[in-house]
Amino acid sequence: MKKIFLSIGFLTVWSLVQAQMTGGMSATEKSIPSKELIGKAEPNIWEVFQKRRSVRKFRPDAIPETHLTQIIDAARMAPTSGNQQPWKFLIIQDKRLINQMMEACINQSLSRFDSNNTNETKDQFTEKIRKNYSSGYFSAPVFIVILTDNFSKYPDYNHWDGPLAAGYLMLAARALGYGTVFITDAIPESVTKEVLQIPEKYTRVCITPLGIPVEWPVTPMKKNLDDFISFDKL
């Protein structure tokens, strides 16, 4: 009987410790709509999978270096071919560089302006693009460029290893309450290579803004689990 009471006591204490570690998040808080969970950590791994969303509007709040380190530390634990670990994570916090990337993206967008379009002038088009970028992706306080080394041990496998690290990074960010989005063409590789002076030895996997969402996007409709699973035969 004494052992049972001791066990119950240990579990109670451990529950209190966990509550303190997670900011006292209760079962009720976990059921709050996602937009009210802005910036809150999510310690339950299954909840992390369910609640990760692609975020495109961010608050300007700074991100502690300890959190950035945690996120990258998780990303580097992703599976990799022959343990080659070909990754490089370029963290951009300098607002000047972030603005330079935005201006480069705007200039590339201007090349698509159709002078025959009578609906808006070039100035109006420019202002629209600038507003979309500044209130969207470039509202984030931090960007992370995920790269692979072309001279890694098994470079032919980099195109698998890279996205795995990106996935781990995005899940880790969500666990700490931050939003991300896997960007390839909206911020072209040529822009990041030029502005950030990335050496030719690296290939970009993606770039992601990182920050506290203005709000968490609503979960889009997902296919039924049964649509994806087959046992033994397709």
C-alpha atoms as a PDB file:
ATOM      1  CA  MET A   1       0.000   0.000   0.000  1.00  0.00           C
ATOM      2  CA  LYS A   2       2.842   2.365   0.878  1.00  0.00           C
ATOM      3  CA  LYS A   3       4.368   1.822  -2.580  1.00  0.00           C
ATOM      4  CA  ILE A   4       1.059   2.715  -4.253  1.00  0.00           C
ATOM      5  CA  PHE A   5       0.828   6.002  -2.343  1.00  0.00           C
ATOM      6  CA  LEU A   6       4.429   6.807  -3.201  1.00  0.00           C
ATOM      7  CA  SER A   7       3.749   6.147  -6.892  1.00  0.00           C
ATOM      8  CA  ILE A   8       0.662   8.343  -6.865  1.00  0.00           C
ATOM      9  CA  GLY A   9       2.602  11.063  -5.104  1.00  0.00           C
ATOM     10  CA  PHE A  10       5.396  10.902  -7.683  1.00  0.00           C
ATOM     11  CA  LEU A  11       2.932  11.123 -10.565  1.00  0.00           C
ATOM     12  CA  THR A  12       1.244  14.128  -8.954  1.00  0.00           C
ATOM     13  CA  VAL A  13       4.556  15.933  -8.499  1.00  0.00           C
ATOM     14  CA  TRP A  14       5.635  15.060 -12.032  1.00  0.00           C
ATOM     15  CA  SER A  15       2.357  16.421 -13.404  1.00  0.00           C
ATOM     16  CA  LEU A  16       2.966  19.693 -11.572  1.00  0.00           C
ATOM     17  CA  VAL A  17       6.508  19.882 -12.922  1.00  0.00           C
ATOM     18  CA  GLN A  18       5.277  19.303 -16.466  1.00  0.00           C
ATOM     19  CA  ALA A  19       2.635  21.993 -16.018  1.00  0.00           C
ATOM     20  CA  GLN A  20       5.318  24.458 -14.936  1.00  0.00           C
ATOM     21  CA  MET A  21       7.580  23.496 -17.860  1.00  0.00           C
ATOM     22  CA  THR A  22       4.765  24.045 -20.381  1.00  0.00           C
ATOM     23  CA  GLY A  23       3.503  27.263 -18.870  1.00  0.00           C
ATOM     24  CA  GLY A  24       0.667  25.542 -17.029  1.00  0.00           C
ATOM     25  CA  MET A  25      -1.200  24.652 -20.223  1.00  0.00           C
ATOM     26  CA  SER A  26      -4.394  22.898 -19.259  1.00  0.00           C
ATOM     27  CA  ALA A  27      -6.687  20.599 -21.208  1.00  0.00           C
ATOM     28  CA  THR A  28      -9.090  23.541 -21.545  1.00  0.00           C
ATOM     29  CA  GLU A  29      -6.397  25.774 -23.059  1.00  0.00           C
ATOM     30  CA  LYS A  30      -5.557  23.104 -25.628  1.00  0.00           C
ATOM     31  CA  SER A  31      -9.134  23.254 -26.900  1.00  0.00           C
ATOM     32  CA  ILE A  32      -8.992  27.031 -27.460  1.00  0.00           C
ATOM     33  CA  PRO A  33      -9.267  27.981 -31.177  1.00  0.00           C
ATOM     34  CA  SER A  34      -5.860  28.122 -32.842  1.00  0.00           C
ATOM     35  CA  LYS A  35      -5.880  31.919 -33.346  1.00  0.00           C
ATOM     36  CA  GLU A  36      -5.907  32.306 -29.543  1.00  0.00           C
ATOM     37  CA  LEU A  37      -2.812  30.143 -29.153  1.00  0.00           C
ATOM     38  CA  ILE A  38      -0.542  32.685 -30.825  1.00  0.00           C
ATOM     39  CA  GLY A  39       3.060  32.144 -29.827  1.00  0.00           C
ATOM     40  CA  LYS A  40       2.287  29.429 -27.266  1.00  0.00           C
ATOM     41  CA  ALA A  41       4.504  26.377 -27.081  1.00  0.00           C
ATOM     42  CA  GLU A  42       2.926  23.003 -27.834  1.00  0.00           C
ATOM     43  CA  PRO A  43       4.700  20.222 -25.887  1.00  0.00           C
ATOM     44  CA  ASN A  44       2.569  17.336 -27.189  1.00  0.00           C
ATOM     45  CA  ILE A  45       4.239  15.879 -30.289  1.00  0.00           C
ATOM     46  CA  TRP A  46       0.947  14.664 -31.766  1.00  0.00           C
ATOM     47  CA  GLU A  47      -0.554  18.118 -31.315  1.00  0.00           C
ATOM     48  CA  VAL A  48       2.491  19.566 -33.086  1.00  0.00           C
ATOM     49  CA  PHE A  49       1.791  17.386 -36.140  1.00  0.00           C
ATOM     50  CA  GLN A  50      -1.872  18.362 -36.124  1.00  0.00           C
ATOM     51  CA  LYS A  51      -1.359  22.098 -35.574  1.00  0.00           C
ATOM     52  CA  ARG A  52       1.592  22.902 -37.836  1.00  0.00           C
ATOM     53  CA  ARG A  53       0.374  25.310 -40.474  1.00  0.00           C
ATOM     54  CA  SER A  54       1.952  27.328 -43.282  1.00  0.00           C
ATOM     55  CA  VAL A  55       2.067  30.877 -41.920  1.00  0.00           C
ATOM     56  CA  ARG A  56       2.399  33.973 -44.118  1.00  0.00           C
ATOM     57  CA  LYS A  57       1.748  36.892 -41.728  1.00  0.00           C
ATOM     58  CA  PHE A  58       3.838  37.472 -38.620  1.00  0.00           C
ATOM     59  CA  ARG A  59       4.125  39.651 -35.550  1.00  0.00           C
ATOM     60  CA  PRO A  60       7.399  41.613 -35.220  1.00  0.00           C
ATOM     61  CA  ASP A  61       8.332  40.063 -31.846  1.00  0.00           C
ATOM     62  CA  ALA A  62      12.003  39.104 -31.592  1.00  0.00           C
ATOM     63  CA  ILE A  63      12.900  35.424 -31.278  1.00  0.00           C
ATOM     64  CA  PRO A  64      15.266  34.475 -28.429  1.00  0.00           C
ATOM     65  CA  GLU A  65      18.567  32.991 -29.550  1.00  0.00           C
ATOM     66  CA  THR A  66      17.915  29.997 -27.291  1.00  0.00           C
ATOM     67  CA  HIS A  67      14.810  29.177 -29.341  1.00  0.00           C
ATOM     68  CA  LEU A  68      16.673  29.552 -32.629  1.00  0.00           C
ATOM     69  CA  THR A  69      19.334  27.170 -31.321  1.00  0.00           C
ATOM     70  CA  GLN A  70      16.703  24.662 -30.206  1.00  0.00           C
ATOM     71  CA  ILE A  71      15.036  24.713 -33.615  1.00  0.00           C
ATOM     72  CA  ILE A  72      18.292  24.189 -35.528  1.00  0.00           C
ATOM     73  CA  ASP A  73      19.388  21.515 -33.058  1.00  0.00           C
ATOM     74  CA  ALA A  74      16.188  19.603 -33.837  1.00  0.00           C
ATOM     75  CA  ALA A  75      16.649  20.063 -37.597  1.00  0.00           C
ATOM     76  CA  ARG A  76      20.152  18.598 -37.551  1.00  0.00           C
ATOM     77  CA  MET A  77      18.779  15.380 -36.006  1.00  0.00           C
ATOM     78  CA  ALA A  78      16.839  14.554 -39.182  1.00  0.00           C
ATOM     79  CA  PRO A  79      17.672  11.301 -41.014  1.00  0.00           C
ATOM     80  CA  THR A  80      20.490  11.647 -43.516  1.00  0.00           C
ATOM     81  CA  SER A  81      22.138   9.401 -46.114  1.00  0.00           C
ATOM     82  CA  GLY A  82      25.146   7.626 -44.640  1.00  0.00           C
ATOM     83  CA  ASN A  83      25.073  10.128 -41.773  1.00  0.00           C
ATOM     84  CA  GLN A  84      26.595  12.679 -44.170  1.00  0.00           C
ATOM     85  CA  GLN A  85      24.702  15.622 -42.622  1.00  0.00           C
ATOM     86  CA  PRO A  86      25.113  17.933 -45.638  1.00  0.00           C
ATOM     87  CA  TRP A  87      23.141  20.821 -44.159  1.00  0.00           C
ATOM     88  CA  LYS A  88      23.866  24.460 -43.536  1.00  0.00           C
ATOM     89  CA  PHE A  89      21.323  26.705 -41.819  1.00  0.00           C
ATOM     90  CA  LEU A  90      21.711  30.408 -42.570  1.00  0.00           C
ATOM     91  CA  ILE A  91      19.800  32.511 -40.013  1.00  0.00           C
ATOM     92  CA  ILE A  92      18.939  36.037 -41.147  1.00  0.00           C
ATOM     93  CA  GLN A  93      18.011  38.562 -38.452  1.00  0.00           C
ATOM     94  CA  ASP A  94      19.515  41.734 -39.948  1.00  0.00           C
ATOM     95  CA  LYS A  95      16.525  43.865 -40.995  1.00  0.00           C
ATOM     96  CA  ARG A  96      18.653  45.509 -43.677  1.00  0.00           C
ATOM     97  CA  LEU A  97      19.224  42.154 -45.389  1.00  0.00           C
ATOM     98  CA  ILE A  98      15.567  41.192 -45.023  1.00  0.00           C
ATOM     99  CA  ASN A  99      14.556  44.461 -46.691  1.00  0.00           C
ATOM    100  CA  GLN A 100      17.083  43.887 -49.481  1.00  0.00           C
ATOM    101  CA  MET A 101      15.548  40.486 -50.181  1.00  0.00           C
ATOM    102  CA  MET A 102      12.089  42.064 -50.278  1.00  0.00           C
ATOM    103  CA  GLU A 103      13.198  44.781 -52.717  1.00  0.00           C
ATOM    104  CA  ALA A 104      14.814  42.163 -54.964  1.00  0.00           C
ATOM    105  CA  CYS A 105      11.566  40.162 -54.962  1.00  0.00           C
ATOM    106  CA  ILE A 106       9.581  43.298 -55.816  1.00  0.00           C
ATOM    107  CA  ASN A 107      11.931  44.077 -58.720  1.00  0.00           C
ATOM    108  CA  GLN A 108      11.518  40.540 -60.062  1.00  0.00           C
ATOM    109  CA  SER A 109       7.737  40.899 -59.793  1.00  0.00           C
ATOM    110  CA  LEU A 110       7.877  44.150 -61.778  1.00  0.00           C
ATOM    111  CA  SER A 111       9.303  42.223 -64.715  1.00  0.00           C
ATOM    112  CA  ARG A 112       5.889  40.558 -64.962  1.00  0.00           C
ATOM    113  CA  PHE A 113       3.988  43.829 -65.193  1.00  0.00           C
ATOM    114  CA  ASP A 114       1.912  44.049 -68.352  1.00  0.00           C
ATOM    115  CA  SER A 115       1.913  47.610 -69.711  1.00  0.00           C
ATOM    116  CA  ASN A 116      -1.187  46.692 -71.738  1.00  0.00           C
ATOM    117  CA  ASN A 117      -3.095  46.057 -68.539  1.00  0.00           C
ATOM    118  CA  THR A 118      -5.523  48.970 -68.243  1.00  0.00           C
ATOM    119  CA  ASN A 119      -6.692  47.996 -64.759  1.00  0.00           C
ATOM    120  CA  GLU A 120      -3.705  49.528 -62.962  1.00  0.00           C
ATOM    121  CA  THR A 121      -0.618  51.616 -63.582  1.00  0.00           C
ATOM    122  CA  LYS A 122       2.921  50.395 -62.965  1.00  0.00           C
ATOM    123  CA  ASP A 123       3.050  52.478 -59.783  1.00  0.00           C
ATOM    124  CA  GLN A 124      -0.187  50.920 -58.555  1.00  0.00           C
ATOM    125  CA  PHE A 125       1.114  47.465 -59.384  1.00  0.00           C
ATOM    126  CA  THR A 126       4.355  48.188 -57.529  1.00  0.00           C
ATOM    127  CA  GLU A 127       2.492  49.447 -54.461  1.00  0.00           C
ATOM    128  CA  LYS A 128       0.279  46.359 -54.445  1.00  0.00           C
ATOM    129  CA  ILE A 129       3.273  44.009 -54.627  1.00  0.00           C
ATOM    130  CA  ARG A 130       5.133  45.945 -51.930  1.00  0.00           C
ATOM    131  CA  LYS A 131       2.135  45.810 -49.601  1.00  0.00           C
ATOM    132  CA  ASN A 132       1.701  42.075 -50.173  1.00  0.00           C
ATOM    133  CA  TYR A 133       5.337  41.342 -49.375  1.00  0.00           C
ATOM    134  CA  SER A 134       5.741  43.745 -46.429  1.00  0.00           C
ATOM    135  CA  SER A 135       2.564  42.595 -44.681  1.00  0.00           C
ATOM    136  CA  GLY A 136       3.161  38.969 -45.629  1.00  0.00           C
ATOM    137  CA  TYR A 137       6.393  36.957 -45.685  1.00  0.00           C
ATOM    138  CA  PHE A 138       8.601  39.946 -44.918  1.00  0.00           C
ATOM    139  CA  SER A 139       6.728  40.832 -41.755  1.00  0.00           C
ATOM    140  CA  ALA A 140       8.725  38.028 -40.064  1.00  0.00           C
ATOM    141  CA  PRO A 141      11.614  39.024 -37.776  1.00  0.00           C
ATOM    142  CA  VAL A 142      13.786  36.073 -38.846  1.00  0.00           C
ATOM    143  CA  PHE A 143      14.416  34.025 -41.984  1.00  0.00           C
ATOM    144  CA  ILE A 144      16.168  30.667 -42.152  1.00  0.00           C
ATOM    145  CA  VAL A 145      17.749  29.504 -45.408  1.00  0.00           C
ATOM    146  CA  ILE A 146      18.136  25.732 -45.499  1.00  0.00           C
ATOM    147  CA  LEU A 147      21.052  24.670 -47.687  1.00  0.00           C
ATOM    148  CA  THR A 148      22.893  21.509 -48.659  1.00  0.00           C
ATOM    149  CA  ASP A 149      26.590  21.224 -49.460  1.00  0.00           C
ATOM    150  CA  ASN A 150      27.243  20.188 -53.070  1.00  0.00           C
ATOM    151  CA  PHE A 151      30.532  18.647 -51.945  1.00  0.00           C
ATOM    152  CA  SER A 152      29.043  16.450 -49.247  1.00  0.00           C
ATOM    153  CA  LYS A 153      29.970  12.766 -49.020  1.00  0.00           C
ATOM    154  CA  TYR A 154      26.901  11.654 -50.997  1.00  0.00           C
ATOM    155  CA  PRO A 155      25.751  14.758 -52.909  1.00  0.00           C
ATOM    156  CA  ASP A 156      23.302  12.780 -55.079  1.00  0.00           C
ATOM    157  CA  TYR A 157      21.246  12.202 -51.929  1.00  0.00           C
ATOM    158  CA  ASN A 158      21.149  15.847 -50.836  1.00  0.00           C
ATOM    159  CA  HIS A 159      17.777  16.385 -52.499  1.00  0.00           C
ATOM    160  CA  TRP A 160      16.301  13.898 -50.019  1.00  0.00           C
ATOM    161  CA  ASP A 161      18.296  14.897 -46.947  1.00  0.00           C
ATOM    162  CA  GLY A 162      17.531  18.606 -47.326  1.00  0.00           C
ATOM    163  CA  PRO A 163      13.713  18.456 -47.151  1.00  0.00           C
ATOM    164  CA  LEU A 164      13.914  16.070 -44.188  1.00  0.00           C
ATOM    165  CA  ALA A 165      15.859  18.675 -42.224  1.00  0.00           C
ATOM    166  CA  ALA A 166      13.378  21.350 -43.304  1.00  0.00           C
ATOM    167  CA  GLY A 167      10.486  19.241 -42.030  1.00  0.00           C
ATOM    168  CA  TYR A 168      12.140  18.714 -38.658  1.00  0.00           C
ATOM    169  CA  LEU A 169      12.877  22.446 -38.430  1.00  0.00           C
ATOM    170  CA  MET A 170       9.269  23.413 -39.101  1.00  0.00           C
ATOM    171  CA  LEU A 171       7.905  20.962 -36.559  1.00  0.00           C
ATOM    172  CA  ALA A 172      10.387  22.159 -33.938  1.00  0.00           C
ATOM    173  CA  ALA A 173       9.377  25.759 -34.630  1.00  0.00           C
ATOM    174  CA  ARG A 174       5.707  24.876 -34.163  1.00  0.00           C
ATOM    175  CA  ALA A 175       6.477  23.101 -30.889  1.00  0.00           C
ATOM    176  CA  LEU A 176       7.865  26.416 -29.578  1.00  0.00           C
ATOM    177  CA  GLY A 177       4.887  28.404 -30.860  1.00  0.00           C
ATOM    178  CA  TYR A 178       6.378  29.803 -34.079  1.00  0.00           C
ATOM    179  CA  GLY A 179       5.085  29.712 -37.632  1.00  0.00           C
ATOM    180  CA  THR A 180       6.999  28.796 -40.801  1.00  0.00           C
ATOM    181  CA  VAL A 181       6.299  28.168 -44.484  1.00  0.00           C
ATOM    182  CA  PHE A 182       8.297  26.185 -47.055  1.00  0.00           C
ATOM    183  CA  ILE A 183       9.156  28.801 -49.725  1.00  0.00           C
ATOM    184  CA  THR A 184      10.839  28.026 -53.046  1.00  0.00           C
ATOM    185  CA  ASP A 185       9.649  30.355 -55.820  1.00  0.00           C
ATOM    186  CA  ALA A 186       7.939  33.204 -53.904  1.00  0.00           C
ATOM    187  CA  ILE A 187      11.421  34.213 -52.745  1.00  0.00           C
ATOM    188  CA  PRO A 188      13.581  32.881 -55.602  1.00  0.00           C
ATOM    189  CA  GLU A 189      16.880  31.141 -54.962  1.00  0.00           C
ATOM    190  CA  SER A 190      18.582  33.751 -57.168  1.00  0.00           C
ATOM    191  CA  VAL A 191      17.446  36.480 -54.751  1.00  0.00           C
ATOM    192  CA  THR A 192      18.852  34.759 -51.677  1.00  0.00           C
ATOM    193  CA  LYS A 193      22.112  33.862 -53.426  1.00  0.00           C
ATOM    194  CA  GLU A 194      22.686  37.425 -54.577  1.00  0.00           C
ATOM    195  CA  VAL A 195      21.556  39.351 -51.491  1.00  0.00           C
ATOM    196  CA  LEU A 196      22.993  36.937 -48.929  1.00  0.00           C
ATOM    197  CA  GLN A 197      26.094  36.174 -51.013  1.00  0.00           C
ATOM    198  CA  ILE A 198      25.683  32.423 -50.688  1.00  0.00           C
ATOM    199  CA  PRO A 199      28.676  30.540 -52.179  1.00  0.00           C
ATOM    200  CA  GLU A 200      28.104  28.327 -55.226  1.00  0.00           C
ATOM    201  CA  LYS A 201      29.017  25.246 -53.203  1.00  0.00           C
ATOM    202  CA  TYR A 202      25.555  25.355 -51.605  1.00  0.00           C
ATOM    203  CA  THR A 203      22.155  24.505 -53.050  1.00  0.00           C
ATOM    204  CA  ARG A 204      19.108  26.018 -51.426  1.00  0.00           C
ATOM    205  CA  VAL A 205      16.418  23.614 -50.250  1.00  0.00           C
ATOM    206  CA  CYS A 206      14.031  26.365 -49.213  1.00  0.00           C
ATOM    207  CA  ILE A 207      13.794  29.571 -47.221  1.00  0.00           C
ATOM    208  CA  THR A 208      11.306  30.065 -44.416  1.00  0.00           C
ATOM    209  CA  PRO A 209      10.257  33.113 -42.461  1.00  0.00           C
ATOM    210  CA  LEU A 210      10.083  32.398 -38.733  1.00  0.00           C
ATOM    211  CA  GLY A 211       7.983  34.227 -36.201  1.00  0.00           C
ATOM    212  CA  ILE A 212       4.847  34.402 -34.092  1.00  0.00           C
ATOM    213  CA  PRO A 213       1.821  34.265 -36.403  1.00  0.00           C
ATOM    214  CA  VAL A 214      -0.656  37.122 -36.510  1.00  0.00           C
ATOM    215  CA  GLU A 215      -3.009  34.164 -36.205  1.00  0.00           C
ATOM    216  CA  TRP A 216      -2.833  30.475 -36.966  1.00  0.00           C
ATOM    217  CA  PRO A 217      -4.435  29.671 -40.325  1.00  0.00           C
ATOM    218  CA  VAL A 218      -7.484  27.433 -40.273  1.00  0.00           C
ATOM    219  CA  THR A 219      -6.660  23.799 -40.962  1.00  0.00           C
ATOM    220  CA  PRO A 220      -7.498  23.089 -44.622  1.00  0.00           C
ATOM    221  CA  MET A 221      -9.600  20.132 -45.646  1.00  0.00           C
ATOM    222  CA  LYS A 222      -7.543  16.946 -45.519  1.00  0.00           C
ATOM    223  CA  LYS A 223      -8.164  13.718 -47.363  1.00  0.00           C
ATOM    224  CA  ASN A 224      -9.315  10.727 -45.338  1.00  0.00           C
ATOM    225  CA  LEU A 225      -6.540   8.665 -43.776  1.00  0.00           C
ATOM    226  CA  ASP A 226      -7.844   5.601 -45.630  1.00  0.00           C
ATOM    227  CA  ASP A 227      -7.017   7.316 -48.939  1.00  0.00           C
ATOM    228  CA  PHE A 228      -3.307   7.024 -48.136  1.00  0.00           C
ATOM    229  CA  ILE A 229      -2.992   3.573 -46.615  1.00  0.00           C
ATOM    230  CA  SER A 230      -2.674   0.183 -48.288  1.00  0.00           C
ATOM    231  CA  PHE A 231      -1.561  -3.028 -46.618  1.00  0.00           C
ATOM    232  CA  ASP A 232       0.569  -5.476 -48.587  1.00  0.00           C
ATOM    233  CA  LYS A 233      -0.956  -4.552 -51.972  1.00  0.00           C
ATOM    234  CA  LEU A 234      -1.938  -1.340 -53.782  1.00  0.00           C
END
